[in-house]
Amino acid sequence: MKIITKILLVAFVLLLVAEYVPGIIVEGVYPAIIAAVVLGILNVFVKPILFVLTLPINILTLGLFTFIINATLFWFAATFVEGFAVSSFWYALFGSVLVTAASSFANRYL
């Protein structure tokens, strides 16, 4: 039940981000839910591998390179989901920061 709540929360945040950020497009609730699931899968399986591979860069930048990893995964997820599009890397960075903040909030309080 917790996972479904988190997925729905991330989908809702994706819809809000798409409403206010002009470079991110989500065409409805269904693509938002699918995008939330894809983002969750990428964050569970791909992000740890990328984090370990880029650990020296991450240490040199004092952890700021994690934002780049998150933005890349956010942009990469947009290539898989039809109805979810990100126009540039900077919009992906801004959207990933907002979605990550909401996801952290969900993990803390749910």
Protein backbone atom coordinates (compact mmCIF):
# COMPACT_ATOMS: atom_id res chain seq x y z
CA MET A 1 0.00 0.00 0.00
CA LYS A 2 2.92 2.31 0.75
CA ILE A 3 4.40 1.81 -2.71
CA ILE A 4 1.13 2.65 -4.44
CA THR A 5 0.81 5.81 -2.35
CA LYS A 6 4.36 6.87 -3.26
CA ILE A 7 3.79 6.18 -6.95
CA LEU A 8 0.57 8.20 -6.94
CA LEU A 9 2.30 11.04 -5.09
CA VAL A 10 5.16 11.13 -7.61
CA ALA A 11 2.62 11.02 -10.46
CA PHE A 12 0.76 13.95 -8.91
CA VAL A 13 4.03 15.88 -8.53
CA LEU A 14 4.89 15.12 -12.17
CA LEU A 15 1.54 16.58 -13.20
CA LEU A 16 2.20 19.69 -11.11
CA VAL A 17 5.72 20.09 -12.46
CA ALA A 18 4.42 19.71 -16.02
CA GLU A 19 1.86 22.41 -15.32
CA TYR A 20 4.38 24.99 -14.09
CA VAL A 21 7.61 24.11 -15.93
CA PRO A 22 7.27 24.85 -19.65
CA GLY A 23 9.86 22.30 -20.85
CA ILE A 24 8.20 19.26 -19.23
CA ILE A 25 5.10 17.78 -20.80
CA VAL A 26 2.84 15.12 -19.27
CA GLU A 27 -0.25 14.44 -21.35
CA GLY A 28 -2.45 12.95 -18.65
CA VAL A 29 -2.76 10.91 -15.50
CA TYR A 30 -1.94 7.57 -17.10
CA PRO A 31 1.40 8.71 -18.59
CA ALA A 32 2.22 10.34 -15.23
CA ILE A 33 1.65 7.06 -13.38
CA ILE A 34 3.71 5.11 -15.93
CA ALA A 35 6.47 7.75 -15.70
CA ALA A 36 6.44 7.47 -11.90
CA VAL A 37 6.84 3.70 -12.14
CA VAL A 38 9.66 4.02 -14.68
CA LEU A 39 11.41 6.63 -12.52
CA GLY A 40 11.09 4.33 -9.53
CA ILE A 41 12.56 1.38 -11.42
CA LEU A 42 15.45 3.49 -12.72
CA ASN A 43 16.13 4.87 -9.25
CA VAL A 44 16.20 1.39 -7.73
CA PHE A 45 18.29 -0.43 -10.34
CA VAL A 46 20.30 2.06 -12.41
CA LYS A 47 21.00 4.92 -10.00
CA PRO A 48 23.15 2.88 -7.55
CA ILE A 49 25.28 1.60 -10.42
CA LEU A 50 25.76 5.12 -11.80
CA PHE A 51 26.50 6.42 -8.32
CA VAL A 52 29.26 3.86 -7.75
CA LEU A 53 30.74 4.43 -11.22
CA THR A 54 30.84 8.20 -10.72
CA LEU A 55 31.92 8.12 -7.09
CA PRO A 56 35.26 9.93 -7.66
CA ILE A 57 33.49 12.79 -9.46
CA ASN A 58 30.83 12.83 -6.77
CA ILE A 59 33.47 13.10 -4.05
CA LEU A 60 35.25 15.93 -5.88
CA THR A 61 32.03 17.89 -6.27
CA LEU A 62 30.95 17.19 -2.68
CA GLY A 63 27.86 15.30 -3.82
CA LEU A 64 26.58 17.84 -6.33
CA PHE A 65 27.09 15.39 -9.20
CA THR A 66 24.13 13.45 -7.80
CA PHE A 67 21.88 16.18 -9.23
CA ILE A 68 23.35 15.44 -12.67
CA ILE A 69 22.66 11.72 -12.23
CA ASN A 70 19.07 12.43 -11.17
CA ALA A 71 18.50 14.77 -14.11
CA THR A 72 19.95 12.26 -16.54
CA LEU A 73 17.66 9.52 -15.24
CA PHE A 74 14.68 11.89 -15.38
CA TRP A 75 15.49 12.77 -18.99
CA PHE A 76 16.13 9.10 -19.80
CA ALA A 77 12.73 8.11 -18.36
CA ALA A 78 11.08 10.60 -20.70
CA THR A 79 12.41 8.65 -23.68
CA PHE A 80 10.57 5.49 -22.56
CA VAL A 81 7.16 6.85 -21.68
CA GLU A 82 4.90 8.05 -24.44
CA GLY A 83 3.09 11.17 -23.28
CA PHE A 84 5.96 12.30 -21.03
CA ALA A 85 8.57 14.57 -22.60
CA VAL A 86 11.40 16.77 -21.41
CA SER A 87 12.75 19.33 -23.87
CA SER A 88 16.23 19.98 -22.45
CA PHE A 89 18.67 18.93 -19.78
CA TRP A 90 18.06 22.07 -17.70
CA TYR A 91 14.34 21.37 -17.52
CA ALA A 92 15.20 17.79 -16.57
CA LEU A 93 17.45 19.11 -13.80
CA PHE A 94 14.76 21.41 -12.44
CA GLY A 95 12.06 18.75 -12.72
CA SER A 96 14.21 16.09 -11.08
CA VAL A 97 14.97 18.40 -8.15
CA LEU A 98 11.26 19.00 -7.59
CA VAL A 99 10.31 15.34 -7.95
CA THR A 100 13.19 14.25 -5.70
CA ALA A 101 12.13 16.74 -3.04
CA ALA A 102 8.56 15.43 -3.14
CA SER A 103 9.76 11.83 -3.08
CA SER A 104 11.98 12.56 -0.06
CA PHE A 105 9.00 14.14 1.65
CA ALA A 106 6.93 11.05 0.89
CA ASN A 107 9.61 8.71 2.21
CA ARG A 108 9.90 10.69 5.42
CA TYR A 109 6.24 11.16 6.27
CA LEU A 110 4.52 8.11 4.75
